[in-house]
Amino acid sequence: MSDLQKTIAQAFMQMADGLESGSFGPRPKIALTGMGSEHGEENAMAAAVAAAKRGVDVYYIGTLEHEGITTVHVDDDEAGHKKMDELLSEHVVDGAVTMHYPFPIGVSTVGRVVTPGVGKEMFVANTTGTSSPDLVEGMIKNTIDGLAVAKATGIARPTVGILNVNGARQVEHALRELKDNGYDFDFAESSRADGGCVMRGNDVLKGTPDIMVCDSLTGNVLNKMLSSFTTGGSFESVGFGYGPGVGKGYDKLVLIVSRASGAPVVANALVFAAELVREKIFAKVAAEYEAAEKAGLNDILAALEAKKNASKEPAEEVTAPPAEPVPAAILGVDVLDLEDAVHALWKAGIYAESGMGCTGPVVMMSTANESKAHDVLKDAGYIS
């Protein structure tokens, strides 16, 4: 641990000594594995002390001791993770914060960051693990996970935005179908002039939605960048870490932080874990999936799977109509469907070309054919 890192940890511990918890009721018991951090055990212990001042009973797994903290002694990081699992399995603790964890397929973490534009909190759904091996299905489930976690922190009607990545438009179509079928949630509106629920980089910095939906690899990058936005990347100083692993039927509360997470982030993660314990996070996850399934989630996912399988079959030969100028453009087709959408228009006798604008994929055709093309693409399910 460098002198600078020690200074930061000491200053943070001194600041924590001046904090008092405003929490009432039983203090949740949260384990913290302290070994393996790039900033040393002192960083983790400083976080434990700060969280204890904010209403958390911290079980520190490592070699250090401090007044008010229960230390569970281990010799190394591997032993620490084994001990953490024991404490969770035996219900000695209610949850845990750690630097890595092998979640099963179907479980991924919902991150919680503070965006630099206006200092607003935003949930990143999701950041580690994977909700599904399929990109689009995973992002749909990430939305449900994100809604459950956001509601557990007291946001009654969290808004949902979909990051403009591959699969975003397919996710939008599926979520709109769920919403039309009665799954009650609100879309965010992009801060850019063209609006819509598909979010741009500006929306990431501003925290336009309460929940930013994306794949977990992209979400991991977003979480890292926003957490260390002002420090150059080696020290995550802002936010709550990478969040709890959630998924249908999963009931082990483990939150992830990074080896680069500083004491302020680790302390926030411990308090976040306690908040989720108090608000019975897994009951909220179960309720969200029940509501989504009542609105046809399983049928929607099955239709997406059937469509994906159909796309693997030999494509029907379609000849392009005679070429003509294509000044008109239709947005909203996912990049994964782009060429199929063009072929659908060819089959309808409309000459079309694919392209990529600054807002994403576009299908281009003549102005005279724009209205008919819109109807064809909508009927085929390529746009909403």
Protein backbone atom coordinates (compact mmCIF):
# COMPACT_ATOMS: atom_id res chain seq x y z
CA MET A 1 0.00 0.00 0.00
CA SER A 2 1.48 3.34 -1.06
CA ASP A 3 1.80 6.35 1.27
CA LEU A 4 -0.94 8.12 -0.68
CA GLN A 5 -3.29 5.14 -0.31
CA LYS A 6 -2.55 4.98 3.43
CA THR A 7 -3.28 8.69 3.75
CA ILE A 8 -6.61 8.29 1.96
CA ALA A 9 -7.59 5.32 4.13
CA GLN A 10 -6.63 7.13 7.35
CA ALA A 11 -8.52 10.27 6.33
CA PHE A 12 -11.57 8.24 5.45
CA MET A 13 -11.46 6.39 8.79
CA GLN A 14 -11.20 9.70 10.65
CA MET A 15 -14.18 11.03 8.70
CA ALA A 16 -16.13 7.88 9.57
CA ASP A 17 -15.49 8.48 13.28
CA GLY A 18 -17.66 11.58 12.99
CA LEU A 19 -20.61 9.78 11.38
CA GLU A 20 -23.64 8.49 13.25
CA SER A 21 -26.13 5.98 11.94
CA GLY A 22 -29.66 7.20 11.30
CA SER A 23 -30.91 3.60 10.98
CA PHE A 24 -33.41 2.00 13.30
CA GLY A 25 -34.18 -1.67 13.97
CA PRO A 26 -31.79 -4.63 13.82
CA ARG A 27 -28.40 -3.92 12.29
CA PRO A 28 -27.84 -6.17 9.27
CA LYS A 29 -24.74 -8.35 9.50
CA ILE A 30 -22.59 -8.03 6.40
CA ALA A 31 -19.31 -9.84 5.75
CA LEU A 32 -16.44 -8.13 3.93
CA THR A 33 -13.46 -9.96 2.45
CA GLY A 34 -10.55 -7.61 3.01
CA MET A 35 -7.70 -9.36 1.23
CA GLY A 36 -6.93 -9.01 -2.47
CA SER A 37 -7.53 -5.28 -2.86
CA GLU A 38 -5.00 -3.30 -4.88
CA HIS A 39 -5.13 -0.74 -2.05
CA GLY A 40 -4.34 -3.10 0.79
CA GLU A 41 -6.30 -4.34 3.78
CA GLU A 42 -6.16 -0.91 5.43
CA ASN A 43 -8.46 0.36 2.67
CA ALA A 44 -11.00 -2.38 3.36
CA MET A 45 -10.88 -1.88 7.11
CA ALA A 46 -11.42 1.87 6.69
CA ALA A 47 -14.57 1.01 4.72
CA ALA A 48 -15.71 -1.41 7.42
CA VAL A 49 -15.33 1.24 10.13
CA ALA A 50 -17.25 3.80 8.06
CA ALA A 51 -20.08 1.37 7.36
CA ALA A 52 -20.30 0.41 11.04
CA LYS A 53 -20.90 4.07 11.84
CA ARG A 54 -23.79 3.97 9.35
CA GLY A 55 -25.71 1.08 10.89
CA VAL A 56 -23.98 -2.08 9.64
CA ASP A 57 -22.53 -4.90 11.74
CA VAL A 58 -19.43 -5.71 9.69
CA TYR A 59 -17.73 -9.11 9.85
CA TYR A 60 -14.29 -8.36 8.49
CA ILE A 61 -12.59 -11.39 6.94
CA GLY A 62 -8.84 -10.86 6.95
CA THR A 63 -5.98 -10.13 9.34
CA LEU A 64 -6.75 -6.65 10.71
CA GLU A 65 -8.73 -5.71 13.80
CA HIS A 66 -10.55 -2.55 14.86
CA GLU A 67 -12.88 -1.57 17.66
CA GLY A 68 -16.51 -2.12 16.68
CA ILE A 69 -15.65 -4.59 13.91
CA THR A 70 -15.88 -8.37 14.21
CA THR A 71 -12.76 -9.85 12.64
CA VAL A 72 -12.81 -13.39 11.27
CA HIS A 73 -9.15 -14.28 10.88
CA VAL A 74 -7.91 -15.97 7.71
CA ASP A 75 -4.46 -16.29 6.18
CA ASP A 76 -5.16 -15.50 2.53
CA ASP A 77 -7.77 -14.45 -0.04
CA GLU A 78 -8.76 -18.01 -0.96
CA ALA A 79 -9.42 -18.90 2.66
CA GLY A 80 -11.33 -15.65 3.00
CA HIS A 81 -13.79 -16.57 0.26
CA LYS A 82 -14.29 -20.02 1.71
CA LYS A 83 -15.03 -18.48 5.11
CA MET A 84 -17.42 -15.97 3.52
CA ASP A 85 -19.42 -18.80 1.94
CA GLU A 86 -19.54 -20.60 5.30
CA LEU A 87 -20.86 -17.51 7.08
CA LEU A 88 -23.53 -17.06 4.42
CA SER A 89 -24.55 -20.73 4.36
CA GLU A 90 -24.79 -20.90 8.15
CA HIS A 91 -26.73 -17.59 8.26
CA VAL A 92 -24.19 -16.01 10.57
CA VAL A 93 -24.31 -13.00 8.25
CA ASP A 94 -27.16 -11.63 6.12
CA GLY A 95 -25.01 -10.77 3.13
CA ALA A 96 -21.48 -10.16 1.93
CA VAL A 97 -19.33 -7.75 -0.06
CA THR A 98 -16.41 -9.20 -1.95
CA MET A 99 -14.11 -8.57 -4.92
CA HIS A 100 -15.04 -11.55 -7.08
CA TYR A 101 -17.63 -14.30 -7.02
CA PRO A 102 -18.67 -17.09 -9.46
CA PHE A 103 -22.40 -16.46 -9.96
CA PRO A 104 -24.35 -19.15 -11.85
CA ILE A 105 -25.76 -18.44 -15.32
CA GLY A 106 -29.02 -16.57 -14.81
CA VAL A 107 -27.62 -14.37 -12.03
CA SER A 108 -25.88 -11.05 -12.59
CA THR A 109 -25.17 -7.90 -10.61
CA VAL A 110 -26.95 -4.55 -10.68
CA GLY A 111 -24.42 -1.76 -10.23
CA ARG A 112 -25.12 1.56 -8.55
CA VAL A 113 -23.13 4.61 -9.61
CA VAL A 114 -23.14 8.39 -9.24
CA THR A 115 -23.09 10.06 -12.62
CA PRO A 116 -20.66 12.97 -13.06
CA GLY A 117 -22.94 15.29 -15.03
CA VAL A 118 -25.40 16.19 -12.27
CA GLY A 119 -24.36 13.93 -9.38
CA LYS A 120 -27.38 11.67 -9.81
CA GLU A 121 -27.46 8.04 -8.75
CA MET A 122 -28.11 5.52 -11.52
CA PHE A 123 -28.38 1.74 -11.57
CA VAL A 124 -26.42 -0.11 -14.25
CA ALA A 125 -28.21 -3.33 -15.21
CA ASN A 126 -26.05 -5.31 -15.27
CA THR A 127 -22.32 -5.30 -14.46
CA THR A 128 -20.93 -8.80 -13.73
CA GLY A 129 -22.20 -12.33 -14.33
CA THR A 130 -24.77 -13.03 -17.03
CA SER A 131 -28.55 -13.24 -16.89
CA SER A 132 -28.64 -15.37 -20.05
CA PRO A 133 -26.21 -16.64 -22.70
CA ASP A 134 -28.43 -14.83 -25.22
CA LEU A 135 -27.73 -11.10 -25.44
CA VAL A 136 -31.30 -9.86 -25.90
CA GLU A 137 -32.86 -12.22 -23.37
CA GLY A 138 -30.17 -11.23 -20.90
CA MET A 139 -30.90 -7.53 -21.27
CA ILE A 140 -34.64 -8.12 -20.84
CA LYS A 141 -33.96 -9.97 -17.59
CA ASN A 142 -31.47 -7.26 -16.57
CA THR A 143 -34.35 -4.79 -16.79
CA ILE A 144 -36.43 -6.86 -14.38
CA ASP A 145 -33.46 -7.26 -12.03
CA GLY A 146 -32.75 -3.53 -12.18
CA LEU A 147 -36.35 -2.63 -11.36
CA ALA A 148 -36.31 -4.90 -8.31
CA VAL A 149 -33.05 -3.47 -6.95
CA ALA A 150 -34.03 0.15 -7.61
CA LYS A 151 -37.36 -0.34 -5.84
CA ALA A 152 -35.52 -1.90 -2.89
CA THR A 153 -33.67 1.41 -2.44
CA GLY A 154 -36.92 3.36 -2.19
CA ILE A 155 -37.53 4.48 -5.78
CA ALA A 156 -41.26 3.86 -6.22
CA ARG A 157 -41.34 4.17 -10.03
CA PRO A 158 -37.82 3.87 -11.44
CA THR A 159 -37.43 4.80 -15.09
CA VAL A 160 -35.80 2.47 -17.62
CA GLY A 161 -33.42 3.45 -20.42
CA ILE A 162 -31.72 1.03 -22.83
CA LEU A 163 -28.13 1.77 -23.76
CA ASN A 164 -27.57 2.04 -27.52
CA VAL A 165 -25.72 -1.26 -27.94
CA ASN A 166 -26.31 -4.33 -30.11
CA GLY A 167 -29.72 -5.76 -29.31
CA ALA A 168 -31.13 -2.50 -27.91
CA ARG A 169 -34.04 -2.25 -30.35
CA GLN A 170 -35.04 -5.88 -29.87
CA VAL A 171 -35.01 -5.30 -26.13
CA GLU A 172 -37.14 -2.18 -26.60
CA HIS A 173 -39.73 -4.10 -28.65
CA ALA A 174 -39.92 -6.85 -26.05
CA LEU A 175 -40.23 -4.42 -23.15
CA ARG A 176 -42.93 -2.43 -24.94
CA GLU A 177 -44.86 -5.66 -25.46
CA LEU A 178 -44.52 -6.46 -21.76
CA LYS A 179 -45.66 -2.96 -20.87
CA ASP A 180 -48.65 -3.18 -23.24
CA ASN A 181 -49.55 -6.50 -21.59
CA GLY A 182 -49.68 -4.88 -18.15
CA TYR A 183 -46.14 -5.00 -16.76
CA ASP A 184 -46.10 -1.65 -14.99
CA PHE A 185 -42.94 0.42 -15.44
CA ASP A 186 -41.91 3.71 -17.02
CA PHE A 187 -39.47 4.33 -19.86
CA ALA A 188 -37.01 7.20 -19.55
CA GLU A 189 -36.73 9.75 -22.36
CA SER A 190 -33.30 10.47 -23.79
CA SER A 191 -32.00 13.97 -23.15
CA ARG A 192 -31.04 14.25 -26.83
CA ALA A 193 -33.36 16.10 -29.19
CA ASP A 194 -34.61 12.93 -30.89
CA GLY A 195 -35.73 11.47 -27.53
CA GLY A 196 -36.79 7.86 -27.17
CA CYS A 197 -35.90 5.25 -24.57
CA VAL A 198 -32.64 4.21 -26.26
CA MET A 199 -29.92 6.06 -24.38
CA ARG A 200 -26.81 7.76 -25.72
CA GLY A 201 -23.45 8.56 -24.12
CA ASN A 202 -24.79 11.92 -22.93
CA ASP A 203 -27.49 10.09 -20.98
CA VAL A 204 -24.86 7.95 -19.24
CA LEU A 205 -23.04 11.04 -17.96
CA LYS A 206 -26.28 12.77 -16.92
CA GLY A 207 -27.96 9.73 -15.41
CA THR A 208 -31.07 10.28 -17.53
CA PRO A 209 -32.74 6.99 -16.52
CA ASP A 210 -32.85 5.53 -13.04
CA ILE A 211 -31.87 2.19 -14.62
CA MET A 212 -29.47 1.94 -17.57
CA VAL A 213 -30.01 -1.44 -19.23
CA CYS A 214 -27.12 -3.04 -21.11
CA ASP A 215 -25.16 -6.27 -21.38
CA SER A 216 -22.96 -7.04 -18.38
CA LEU A 217 -19.63 -6.57 -20.20
CA THR A 218 -20.61 -3.05 -21.27
CA GLY A 219 -22.10 -2.38 -17.85
CA ASN A 220 -18.86 -3.41 -16.18
CA VAL A 221 -16.94 -0.84 -18.24
CA LEU A 222 -19.50 1.87 -17.45
CA ASN A 223 -19.32 1.11 -13.75
CA LYS A 224 -15.52 1.26 -13.72
CA MET A 225 -15.38 4.52 -15.68
CA LEU A 226 -18.01 6.31 -13.62
CA SER A 227 -16.56 5.10 -10.31
CA SER A 228 -13.06 6.35 -11.11
CA PHE A 229 -14.04 9.28 -13.34
CA THR A 230 -11.98 11.82 -11.39
CA THR A 231 -9.03 9.66 -10.33
CA GLY A 232 -7.57 8.37 -13.57
CA GLY A 233 -8.75 4.81 -13.13
CA SER A 234 -6.56 3.31 -10.42
CA PHE A 235 -8.80 4.25 -7.49
CA GLU A 236 -12.59 3.94 -7.61
CA SER A 237 -13.74 6.78 -5.38
CA VAL A 238 -17.45 7.28 -6.17
CA GLY A 239 -20.51 5.05 -6.15
CA PHE A 240 -21.62 1.81 -4.54
CA GLY A 241 -19.74 -0.84 -6.51
CA TYR A 242 -21.04 -3.45 -8.92
CA GLY A 243 -24.03 -4.41 -6.85
CA PRO A 244 -25.87 -7.56 -5.76
CA GLY A 245 -26.15 -10.75 -7.78
CA VAL A 246 -29.85 -11.22 -8.53
CA GLY A 247 -31.94 -13.52 -10.71
CA LYS A 248 -35.12 -15.55 -10.53
CA GLY A 249 -34.96 -17.97 -7.61
CA TYR A 250 -31.54 -16.85 -6.36
CA ASP A 251 -31.34 -16.05 -2.65
CA LYS A 252 -27.70 -15.51 -1.62
CA LEU A 253 -26.89 -11.84 -1.06
CA VAL A 254 -23.41 -11.18 -2.44
CA LEU A 255 -22.36 -7.73 -3.66
CA ILE A 256 -19.31 -7.11 -5.80
CA VAL A 257 -16.67 -4.42 -5.55
CA SER A 258 -13.47 -4.16 -7.56
CA ARG A 259 -9.87 -4.66 -6.49
CA ALA A 260 -9.56 -0.99 -7.46
CA SER A 261 -12.49 0.12 -5.27
CA GLY A 262 -11.47 2.68 -2.67
CA ALA A 263 -12.76 2.83 0.89
CA PRO A 264 -15.65 5.22 0.06
CA VAL A 265 -17.03 2.79 -2.57
CA VAL A 266 -16.57 -0.29 -0.38
CA ALA A 267 -18.28 1.45 2.56
CA ASN A 268 -21.19 2.41 0.31
CA ALA A 269 -21.41 -1.20 -0.90
CA LEU A 270 -21.68 -2.42 2.70
CA VAL A 271 -24.45 0.09 3.43
CA PHE A 272 -26.13 -0.85 0.12
CA ALA A 273 -26.07 -4.51 1.21
CA ALA A 274 -27.67 -3.62 4.54
CA GLU A 275 -30.35 -1.63 2.76
CA LEU A 276 -31.19 -4.63 0.56
CA VAL A 277 -31.42 -6.87 3.63
CA ARG A 278 -33.85 -4.50 5.34
CA GLU A 279 -35.98 -4.20 2.20
CA LYS A 280 -36.04 -7.98 1.52
CA ILE A 281 -34.51 -7.75 -1.93
CA PHE A 282 -35.21 -11.33 -2.97
CA ALA A 283 -38.93 -10.94 -2.29
CA LYS A 284 -38.87 -7.91 -4.56
CA VAL A 285 -37.04 -9.84 -7.27
CA ALA A 286 -39.63 -12.62 -7.05
CA ALA A 287 -42.47 -10.09 -7.28
CA GLU A 288 -40.95 -8.46 -10.39
CA TYR A 289 -40.56 -11.78 -12.20
CA GLU A 290 -44.09 -12.79 -11.22
CA ALA A 291 -45.46 -9.55 -12.67
CA ALA A 292 -43.38 -9.86 -15.84
CA GLU A 293 -44.41 -13.49 -16.37
CA LYS A 294 -48.05 -12.55 -15.88
CA ALA A 295 -47.54 -10.05 -18.74
CA GLY A 296 -46.19 -12.76 -21.04
CA LEU A 297 -42.44 -12.76 -20.39
CA ASN A 298 -42.00 -16.46 -21.13
CA ASP A 299 -43.95 -16.27 -24.39
CA ILE A 300 -41.93 -13.25 -25.50
CA LEU A 301 -38.64 -15.00 -24.74
CA ALA A 302 -39.83 -18.13 -26.56
CA ALA A 303 -40.73 -16.05 -29.62
CA LEU A 304 -37.28 -14.45 -29.60
CA GLU A 305 -35.67 -17.89 -29.40
CA ALA A 306 -37.80 -19.17 -32.29
CA LYS A 307 -36.88 -16.14 -34.36
CA LYS A 308 -33.18 -16.67 -33.62
CA ASN A 309 -33.40 -20.32 -34.62
CA ALA A 310 -35.25 -19.45 -37.81
CA SER A 311 -32.48 -17.05 -38.76
CA LYS A 312 -30.02 -19.96 -38.70
CA GLU A 313 -31.93 -21.75 -41.46
CA PRO A 314 -30.90 -21.15 -45.10
CA ALA A 315 -32.19 -17.72 -46.06
CA GLU A 316 -34.80 -17.45 -48.77
CA GLU A 317 -33.33 -16.06 -51.95
CA VAL A 318 -34.69 -12.55 -52.45
CA THR A 319 -33.75 -10.41 -55.45
CA ALA A 320 -33.39 -6.69 -54.91
CA PRO A 321 -35.79 -4.49 -56.91
CA PRO A 322 -34.21 -2.00 -59.35
CA ALA A 323 -31.97 0.44 -57.52
CA GLU A 324 -33.17 4.00 -56.92
CA PRO A 325 -32.09 6.95 -54.73
CA VAL A 326 -32.75 6.32 -51.02
CA PRO A 327 -32.97 9.71 -49.24
CA ALA A 328 -35.53 8.55 -46.63
CA ALA A 329 -34.50 6.57 -43.56
CA ILE A 330 -36.30 4.56 -40.88
CA LEU A 331 -34.71 4.23 -37.43
CA GLY A 332 -35.40 1.65 -34.77
CA VAL A 333 -34.28 -1.58 -36.45
CA ASP A 334 -31.75 -3.45 -34.36
CA VAL A 335 -28.35 -3.98 -35.94
CA LEU A 336 -28.82 -7.74 -35.49
CA ASP A 337 -31.94 -7.56 -37.71
CA LEU A 338 -30.71 -4.98 -40.19
CA GLU A 339 -30.10 -7.15 -43.26
CA ASP A 340 -33.23 -9.23 -42.62
CA ALA A 341 -35.26 -6.02 -42.53
CA VAL A 342 -33.80 -4.91 -45.88
CA HIS A 343 -34.67 -8.29 -47.40
CA ALA A 344 -38.24 -8.00 -46.07
CA LEU A 345 -38.61 -4.74 -47.96
CA TRP A 346 -37.13 -6.23 -51.12
CA LYS A 347 -39.63 -9.06 -50.86
CA ALA A 348 -42.40 -6.43 -50.68
CA GLY A 349 -41.08 -4.81 -53.86
CA ILE A 350 -39.39 -1.87 -52.12
CA TYR A 351 -35.78 -1.11 -52.92
CA ALA A 352 -33.90 -0.49 -49.67
CA GLU A 353 -30.37 -0.27 -48.33
CA SER A 354 -28.91 -0.59 -44.85
CA GLY A 355 -26.77 2.05 -43.21
CA MET A 356 -25.40 3.21 -39.88
CA GLY A 357 -26.06 6.73 -38.63
CA CYS A 358 -24.84 8.46 -35.50
CA THR A 359 -27.93 7.20 -33.65
CA GLY A 360 -27.50 3.62 -34.83
CA PRO A 361 -28.74 1.40 -37.69
CA VAL A 362 -31.01 2.79 -40.40
CA VAL A 363 -32.93 1.30 -43.30
CA MET A 364 -32.99 3.64 -46.29
CA MET A 365 -35.51 3.84 -49.14
CA SER A 366 -37.10 6.38 -51.48
CA THR A 367 -39.34 9.06 -50.01
CA ALA A 368 -42.25 7.70 -52.02
CA ASN A 369 -41.88 4.29 -50.36
CA GLU A 370 -41.20 5.49 -46.82
CA SER A 371 -44.75 5.09 -45.48
CA LYS A 372 -45.25 1.65 -47.04
CA ALA A 373 -41.82 0.53 -45.83
CA HIS A 374 -42.68 1.61 -42.30
CA ASP A 375 -45.83 -0.54 -42.37
CA VAL A 376 -43.94 -3.56 -43.73
CA LEU A 377 -41.23 -3.32 -41.07
CA LYS A 378 -43.78 -2.80 -38.29
CA ASP A 379 -45.90 -5.76 -39.40
CA ALA A 380 -42.76 -7.93 -39.52
CA GLY A 381 -41.81 -6.91 -35.98
CA TYR A 382 -38.62 -5.03 -36.85
CA ILE A 383 -39.85 -1.71 -35.43
CA SER A 384 -42.44 -0.70 -32.86
